[in-house]
Amino acid sequence: MSNFPVLEGARLFAPFAKGGLLRSNGAMFRSFLYILFLLNLLSHPVFAATGRVECNSLPSKILFRNVPYCIVLPPTFDTDKTKHFPILYSLHGLGDNEQFFVHSGAWNLVEDLREKGELKSFLIATPDGGAGFYINSKDGKNRYEDFLLQEFFPFIENRYRAAPGRANRAISGVSMGGYGALHLAFRHPQLFSSVSAHSAALIEKLPGFLGASSNSPRARVLGGVFGNPPDPVFWDQHSPLILARTANLAGLKIYFDCGDNDDYGFNAGATALDKILTARRIPHEFHLYPGRHDPAYFAEHLPASLQFHSRLFPSP
């Protein structure tokens, strides 16, 4: 088990790769958050209480392996051992891992917002999702959704004193993680009070996204989850766009955004989801902002989803 009391720099929430497998703009994002971190040090007392990040792993009987995770703990977690907290599950993008809140600098952003009084005290849990889109794979070899529902959520909420009930549980994600968050919330709306997604991997027309070759880099990335070539029927069964047409989303608070120049065309999927929810008269918040599928976009808009969930969590 390891704790991370200081800013760690490097990669970002890592999205799909443009024209290839993966791409990283971590240096730019690291510089942005390092400046933010320095400004935070200058503007806040050095003795201000801070939270911490705990990283460990959970032995999974479903996945037959240890699954790493990290959890962001608020300052009062250690000072009040009787207190229970709402919890936000935050899902990383393709190519990243459970430590993305640490090495991207997002943890320091959370600390800054808390010190400004813009976030309530709640837990943020980040499991390692690999490249599995947080669902059960078509071949049945990676039952990741079952792992989350049957093992990970119960373990985390018991070990870290999560407050019980739907009102105290939310889920969020970036890119692949945005797909996972929307998928899980729409399939299991009774579990979550709110869901958010930044630049979610929402694809209206799978063949067009894959290109002419079934052996394209994008097809290979998706192949381990959806079949190679990806099975359109299996894709539709799990697509948040399809689920949104019939799921009972009463009471689920929904936020999502995307850049209007997203490198993978996910802005079209986000716009389609907005139209589906609007047609069903399901309340939601959607923004199409200027930007691409890159670190700068995520850094700018991550505070919005954190504050969205914080406002909805019950007051202590």
Protein backbone atom coordinates (compact mmCIF):
# COMPACT_ATOMS: atom_id res chain seq x y z
CA MET A 1 0.00 0.00 0.00
CA SER A 2 1.34 3.44 -0.80
CA ASN A 3 0.23 6.97 0.03
CA PHE A 4 0.93 10.06 -2.09
CA PRO A 5 1.23 13.24 0.02
CA VAL A 6 2.73 15.44 -2.72
CA LEU A 7 2.06 16.33 -6.35
CA GLU A 8 3.16 13.64 -8.77
CA GLY A 9 3.49 14.52 -12.44
CA ALA A 10 3.36 12.71 -15.75
CA ARG A 11 0.57 11.16 -17.75
CA LEU A 12 -3.02 12.17 -18.13
CA PHE A 13 -6.36 10.44 -18.27
CA ALA A 14 -5.20 9.11 -21.65
CA PRO A 15 -7.82 8.87 -24.37
CA PHE A 16 -7.90 7.01 -27.67
CA ALA A 17 -4.88 7.51 -29.88
CA LYS A 18 -5.24 9.57 -33.01
CA GLY A 19 -4.38 7.49 -36.02
CA GLY A 20 -2.64 4.89 -33.89
CA LEU A 21 -2.96 3.23 -30.52
CA LEU A 22 -2.38 5.74 -27.75
CA ARG A 23 -1.27 9.34 -27.45
CA SER A 24 -0.05 11.26 -24.40
CA ASN A 25 0.06 15.01 -23.92
CA GLY A 26 1.09 14.66 -20.32
CA ALA A 27 3.87 17.27 -20.46
CA MET A 28 1.46 20.04 -21.36
CA PHE A 29 -1.05 18.98 -18.73
CA ARG A 30 1.69 18.53 -16.12
CA SER A 31 2.90 22.09 -16.74
CA PHE A 32 -0.63 23.43 -16.45
CA LEU A 33 -1.32 21.69 -13.16
CA TYR A 34 2.15 22.43 -11.75
CA ILE A 35 1.48 26.15 -12.22
CA LEU A 36 -1.94 25.66 -10.63
CA PHE A 37 -0.29 23.85 -7.74
CA LEU A 38 2.26 26.63 -7.16
CA LEU A 39 -0.46 29.27 -7.21
CA ASN A 40 -2.39 27.16 -4.72
CA LEU A 41 0.62 27.09 -2.36
CA LEU A 42 0.93 30.87 -2.54
CA SER A 43 -2.74 31.54 -1.94
CA HIS A 44 -3.43 29.13 0.95
CA PRO A 45 -1.81 28.71 4.40
CA VAL A 46 0.79 25.96 4.53
CA PHE A 47 -0.89 24.58 7.65
CA ALA A 48 -4.22 23.96 5.92
CA ALA A 49 -5.50 20.44 6.51
CA THR A 50 -5.05 18.19 3.50
CA GLY A 51 -6.44 14.86 2.48
CA ARG A 52 -4.44 11.93 1.23
CA VAL A 53 -4.47 9.28 -1.45
CA GLU A 54 -4.28 5.61 -0.53
CA CYS A 55 -3.41 3.02 -3.19
CA ASN A 56 -3.75 -0.72 -2.77
CA SER A 57 -5.19 -3.73 -4.60
CA LEU A 58 -8.21 -5.98 -4.22
CA PRO A 59 -7.90 -9.74 -4.88
CA SER A 60 -10.75 -10.57 -7.24
CA LYS A 61 -12.29 -14.02 -7.43
CA ILE A 62 -14.24 -12.95 -10.49
CA LEU A 63 -11.25 -11.67 -12.48
CA PHE A 64 -8.72 -14.14 -11.02
CA ARG A 65 -6.22 -11.37 -10.31
CA ASN A 66 -5.44 -8.48 -8.04
CA VAL A 67 -7.05 -5.22 -9.19
CA PRO A 68 -5.18 -2.05 -8.18
CA TYR A 69 -7.13 0.95 -6.99
CA CYS A 70 -6.57 4.35 -5.40
CA ILE A 71 -8.89 6.36 -3.21
CA VAL A 72 -8.80 10.07 -2.48
CA LEU A 73 -9.62 10.64 1.20
CA PRO A 74 -10.75 14.01 2.61
CA PRO A 75 -8.97 15.51 5.65
CA THR A 76 -11.78 14.54 8.03
CA PHE A 77 -11.45 10.86 7.13
CA ASP A 78 -8.57 10.52 9.61
CA THR A 79 -9.65 13.12 12.15
CA ASP A 80 -13.17 11.74 12.70
CA LYS A 81 -13.17 7.93 12.71
CA THR A 82 -16.94 7.77 13.15
CA LYS A 83 -17.81 9.85 10.10
CA HIS A 84 -19.19 8.27 6.90
CA PHE A 85 -18.83 9.90 3.49
CA PRO A 86 -20.53 10.01 0.08
CA ILE A 87 -18.46 8.37 -2.64
CA LEU A 88 -17.67 9.22 -6.25
CA TYR A 89 -16.32 6.45 -8.47
CA SER A 90 -14.08 8.03 -11.11
CA LEU A 91 -13.13 5.95 -14.16
CA HIS A 92 -9.96 6.61 -16.15
CA GLY A 93 -9.50 6.68 -19.91
CA LEU A 94 -7.89 4.15 -22.21
CA GLY A 95 -4.15 3.80 -21.60
CA ASP A 96 -4.21 5.13 -18.04
CA ASN A 97 -4.65 3.39 -14.70
CA GLU A 98 -5.91 3.69 -11.13
CA GLN A 99 -3.34 6.38 -10.26
CA PHE A 100 -4.55 8.95 -12.77
CA PHE A 101 -5.84 11.26 -10.05
CA VAL A 102 -2.29 11.39 -8.69
CA HIS A 103 -0.02 11.54 -11.71
CA SER A 104 -2.29 13.94 -13.60
CA GLY A 105 -2.38 16.39 -10.70
CA ALA A 106 -6.17 16.09 -10.38
CA TRP A 107 -5.77 15.33 -6.66
CA ASN A 108 -4.22 18.76 -6.14
CA LEU A 109 -7.15 20.28 -8.00
CA VAL A 110 -9.50 18.50 -5.57
CA GLU A 111 -7.53 19.84 -2.60
CA ASP A 112 -7.66 23.35 -4.02
CA LEU A 113 -11.43 23.23 -4.54
CA ARG A 114 -11.95 21.85 -1.03
CA GLU A 115 -9.85 24.57 0.57
CA LYS A 116 -11.90 27.16 -1.30
CA GLY A 117 -15.08 25.60 0.08
CA GLU A 118 -16.26 24.53 -3.39
CA LEU A 119 -16.37 20.79 -2.65
CA LYS A 120 -17.97 18.86 0.19
CA SER A 121 -16.06 16.09 1.90
CA PHE A 122 -16.50 12.91 -0.13
CA LEU A 123 -14.44 9.91 -1.22
CA ILE A 124 -13.14 9.48 -4.77
CA ALA A 125 -12.36 5.87 -5.75
CA THR A 126 -10.43 5.07 -8.93
CA PRO A 127 -10.14 1.39 -9.96
CA ASP A 128 -7.75 0.14 -12.63
CA GLY A 129 -10.02 -0.63 -15.57
CA GLY A 130 -7.34 -1.65 -18.04
CA ALA A 131 -8.73 -1.36 -21.57
CA GLY A 132 -12.01 -3.11 -20.79
CA PHE A 133 -14.53 -0.24 -21.01
CA TYR A 134 -15.80 -1.31 -17.56
CA ILE A 135 -18.15 -3.94 -18.98
CA ASN A 136 -18.18 -7.75 -19.25
CA SER A 137 -16.27 -8.62 -22.43
CA LYS A 138 -17.99 -10.44 -25.27
CA ASP A 139 -15.83 -13.56 -24.84
CA GLY A 140 -16.60 -13.71 -21.11
CA LYS A 141 -12.93 -13.62 -20.12
CA ASN A 142 -13.04 -10.22 -18.45
CA ARG A 143 -16.18 -9.87 -16.31
CA TYR A 144 -15.30 -6.38 -15.19
CA GLU A 145 -18.84 -5.10 -14.67
CA ASP A 146 -19.55 -8.10 -12.42
CA PHE A 147 -16.35 -7.35 -10.53
CA LEU A 148 -17.42 -3.76 -9.89
CA LEU A 149 -20.93 -4.62 -8.76
CA GLN A 150 -20.20 -7.74 -6.71
CA GLU A 151 -16.72 -7.10 -5.33
CA PHE A 152 -15.29 -3.63 -5.78
CA PHE A 153 -18.18 -1.38 -4.73
CA PRO A 154 -19.02 -3.41 -1.58
CA PHE A 155 -15.35 -3.69 -0.58
CA ILE A 156 -14.55 0.00 -1.01
CA GLU A 157 -17.70 1.21 0.72
CA ASN A 158 -17.15 -1.04 3.73
CA ARG A 159 -13.40 -0.42 4.09
CA TYR A 160 -13.54 3.35 3.71
CA ARG A 161 -16.73 4.16 5.61
CA ALA A 162 -18.91 5.19 2.69
CA ALA A 163 -22.35 6.45 3.63
CA PRO A 164 -25.03 3.97 2.53
CA GLY A 165 -27.67 4.41 -0.13
CA ARG A 166 -28.10 5.72 -3.64
CA ALA A 167 -28.03 9.37 -2.56
CA ASN A 168 -24.43 8.95 -1.41
CA ARG A 169 -23.09 7.19 -4.51
CA ALA A 170 -22.12 8.75 -7.87
CA ILE A 171 -19.99 7.83 -10.87
CA SER A 172 -17.93 9.78 -13.38
CA GLY A 173 -15.40 9.18 -16.14
CA VAL A 174 -13.26 10.54 -18.96
CA SER A 175 -13.24 9.16 -22.53
CA MET A 176 -13.40 5.34 -22.12
CA GLY A 177 -14.23 6.02 -18.48
CA GLY A 178 -17.05 8.32 -19.57
CA TYR A 179 -18.48 5.44 -21.60
CA GLY A 180 -18.15 3.20 -18.54
CA ALA A 181 -19.77 5.71 -16.20
CA LEU A 182 -22.78 6.30 -18.46
CA HIS A 183 -23.12 2.58 -19.19
CA LEU A 184 -23.12 1.63 -15.51
CA ALA A 185 -25.44 4.44 -14.46
CA PHE A 186 -27.95 3.74 -17.24
CA ARG A 187 -27.90 -0.03 -16.64
CA HIS A 188 -28.04 0.29 -12.85
CA PRO A 189 -29.72 3.63 -12.14
CA GLN A 190 -30.91 2.40 -8.76
CA LEU A 191 -27.29 2.45 -7.56
CA PHE A 192 -26.31 6.03 -8.40
CA SER A 193 -27.72 9.44 -7.63
CA SER A 194 -25.71 11.15 -10.36
CA VAL A 195 -23.44 10.47 -13.32
CA SER A 196 -21.04 12.65 -15.28
CA ALA A 197 -18.78 12.19 -18.29
CA HIS A 198 -16.18 14.23 -20.14
CA SER A 199 -15.66 13.40 -23.82
CA ALA A 200 -17.25 9.99 -23.38
CA ALA A 201 -16.48 7.38 -26.05
CA LEU A 202 -19.96 7.53 -27.55
CA ILE A 203 -20.08 6.15 -31.09
CA GLU A 204 -23.23 6.34 -33.18
CA LYS A 205 -22.00 4.29 -36.16
CA LEU A 206 -19.44 1.67 -35.22
CA PRO A 207 -18.37 0.64 -38.78
CA GLY A 208 -17.64 4.25 -39.70
CA PHE A 209 -15.54 4.74 -36.58
CA LEU A 210 -13.48 1.63 -37.33
CA GLY A 211 -12.74 2.51 -40.95
CA ALA A 212 -12.51 0.11 -43.86
CA SER A 213 -10.21 -2.43 -42.24
CA SER A 214 -11.30 -4.81 -39.50
CA ASN A 215 -7.63 -4.96 -38.50
CA SER A 216 -7.30 -1.20 -38.02
CA PRO A 217 -5.68 0.12 -34.81
CA ARG A 218 -9.10 1.15 -33.52
CA ALA A 219 -10.56 -2.30 -34.21
CA ARG A 220 -7.67 -3.91 -32.34
CA VAL A 221 -8.16 -1.62 -29.35
CA LEU A 222 -11.86 -2.49 -29.17
CA GLY A 223 -11.39 -6.15 -30.12
CA GLY A 224 -10.56 -7.46 -26.64
CA VAL A 225 -13.89 -6.17 -25.35
CA PHE A 226 -16.37 -6.15 -28.22
CA GLY A 227 -14.93 -8.87 -30.46
CA ASN A 228 -12.52 -8.56 -33.37
CA PRO A 229 -13.91 -7.28 -35.58
CA PRO A 230 -16.21 -5.63 -33.01
CA ASP A 231 -19.70 -7.12 -33.00
CA PRO A 232 -22.22 -4.32 -33.75
CA VAL A 233 -25.02 -6.20 -31.94
CA PHE A 234 -22.94 -6.63 -28.79
CA TRP A 235 -21.85 -2.99 -29.05
CA ASP A 236 -25.46 -1.79 -29.25
CA GLN A 237 -26.47 -3.92 -26.26
CA HIS A 238 -23.99 -2.02 -24.11
CA SER A 239 -23.98 1.40 -25.76
CA PRO A 240 -25.10 4.25 -23.46
CA LEU A 241 -26.86 5.74 -26.49
CA ILE A 242 -29.07 2.65 -26.86
CA LEU A 243 -29.56 2.23 -23.11
CA ALA A 244 -30.65 5.87 -22.81
CA ARG A 245 -33.64 5.21 -25.08
CA THR A 246 -35.41 2.87 -22.67
CA ALA A 247 -33.69 2.96 -19.26
CA ASN A 248 -35.66 4.17 -16.26
CA LEU A 249 -33.58 7.22 -15.42
CA ALA A 250 -36.02 8.86 -13.01
CA GLY A 251 -34.13 10.61 -10.26
CA LEU A 252 -30.70 10.16 -11.88
CA LYS A 253 -28.90 13.49 -12.28
CA ILE A 254 -26.92 13.59 -15.51
CA TYR A 255 -24.04 15.83 -16.65
CA PHE A 256 -21.83 15.40 -19.72
CA ASP A 257 -19.72 17.57 -21.99
CA CYS A 258 -17.46 17.23 -25.01
CA GLY A 259 -15.18 19.32 -27.18
CA ASP A 260 -16.74 20.54 -30.42
CA ASN A 261 -13.60 19.42 -32.29
CA ASP A 262 -13.12 16.06 -30.58
CA ASP A 263 -10.36 14.09 -32.32
CA TYR A 264 -12.47 10.93 -32.49
CA GLY A 265 -15.81 12.47 -33.30
CA PHE A 266 -17.23 11.79 -29.84
CA ASN A 267 -18.94 15.18 -30.01
CA ALA A 268 -21.42 13.60 -32.45
CA GLY A 269 -22.19 10.87 -29.92
CA ALA A 270 -22.58 13.39 -27.10
CA THR A 271 -24.96 15.45 -29.22
CA ALA A 272 -26.94 12.30 -30.05
CA LEU A 273 -27.25 11.48 -26.33
CA ASP A 274 -28.48 15.00 -25.66
CA LYS A 275 -31.18 14.58 -28.31
CA ILE A 276 -32.28 11.20 -26.93
CA LEU A 277 -32.60 12.50 -23.37
CA THR A 278 -34.32 15.69 -24.56
CA ALA A 279 -36.84 13.70 -26.60
CA ARG A 280 -37.63 11.62 -23.51
CA ARG A 281 -37.86 14.79 -21.41
CA ILE A 282 -35.21 13.49 -19.05
CA PRO A 283 -33.53 16.39 -17.22
CA HIS A 284 -29.80 16.61 -17.89
CA GLU A 285 -26.97 19.08 -18.33
CA PHE A 286 -25.01 18.98 -21.59
CA HIS A 287 -22.29 21.28 -22.89
CA LEU A 288 -20.47 21.31 -26.20
CA TYR A 289 -17.42 23.42 -25.48
CA PRO A 290 -14.64 24.60 -27.79
CA GLY A 291 -11.85 22.03 -27.66
CA ARG A 292 -10.39 18.72 -28.68
CA HIS A 293 -9.90 15.31 -27.04
CA ASP A 294 -6.78 16.36 -25.19
CA PRO A 295 -5.30 17.17 -21.75
CA ALA A 296 -6.08 20.88 -21.99
CA TYR A 297 -9.78 20.16 -22.47
CA PHE A 298 -9.98 17.72 -19.55
CA ALA A 299 -8.05 20.02 -17.22
CA GLU A 300 -10.40 22.89 -17.95
CA HIS A 301 -13.65 21.00 -17.41
CA LEU A 302 -12.92 18.46 -14.66
CA PRO A 303 -13.88 20.97 -11.92
CA ALA A 304 -17.40 21.19 -13.38
CA SER A 305 -18.17 17.50 -12.81
CA LEU A 306 -16.59 17.48 -9.34
CA GLN A 307 -18.72 20.44 -8.31
CA PHE A 308 -21.79 18.91 -9.98
CA HIS A 309 -21.58 15.79 -7.80
CA SER A 310 -20.63 17.76 -4.69
CA ARG A 311 -23.75 19.90 -4.93
CA LEU A 312 -25.94 16.80 -5.16
CA PHE A 313 -24.40 14.85 -2.29
CA PRO A 314 -26.25 15.22 1.04
CA SER A 315 -24.84 17.84 3.36
CA PRO A 316 -22.97 16.45 6.38
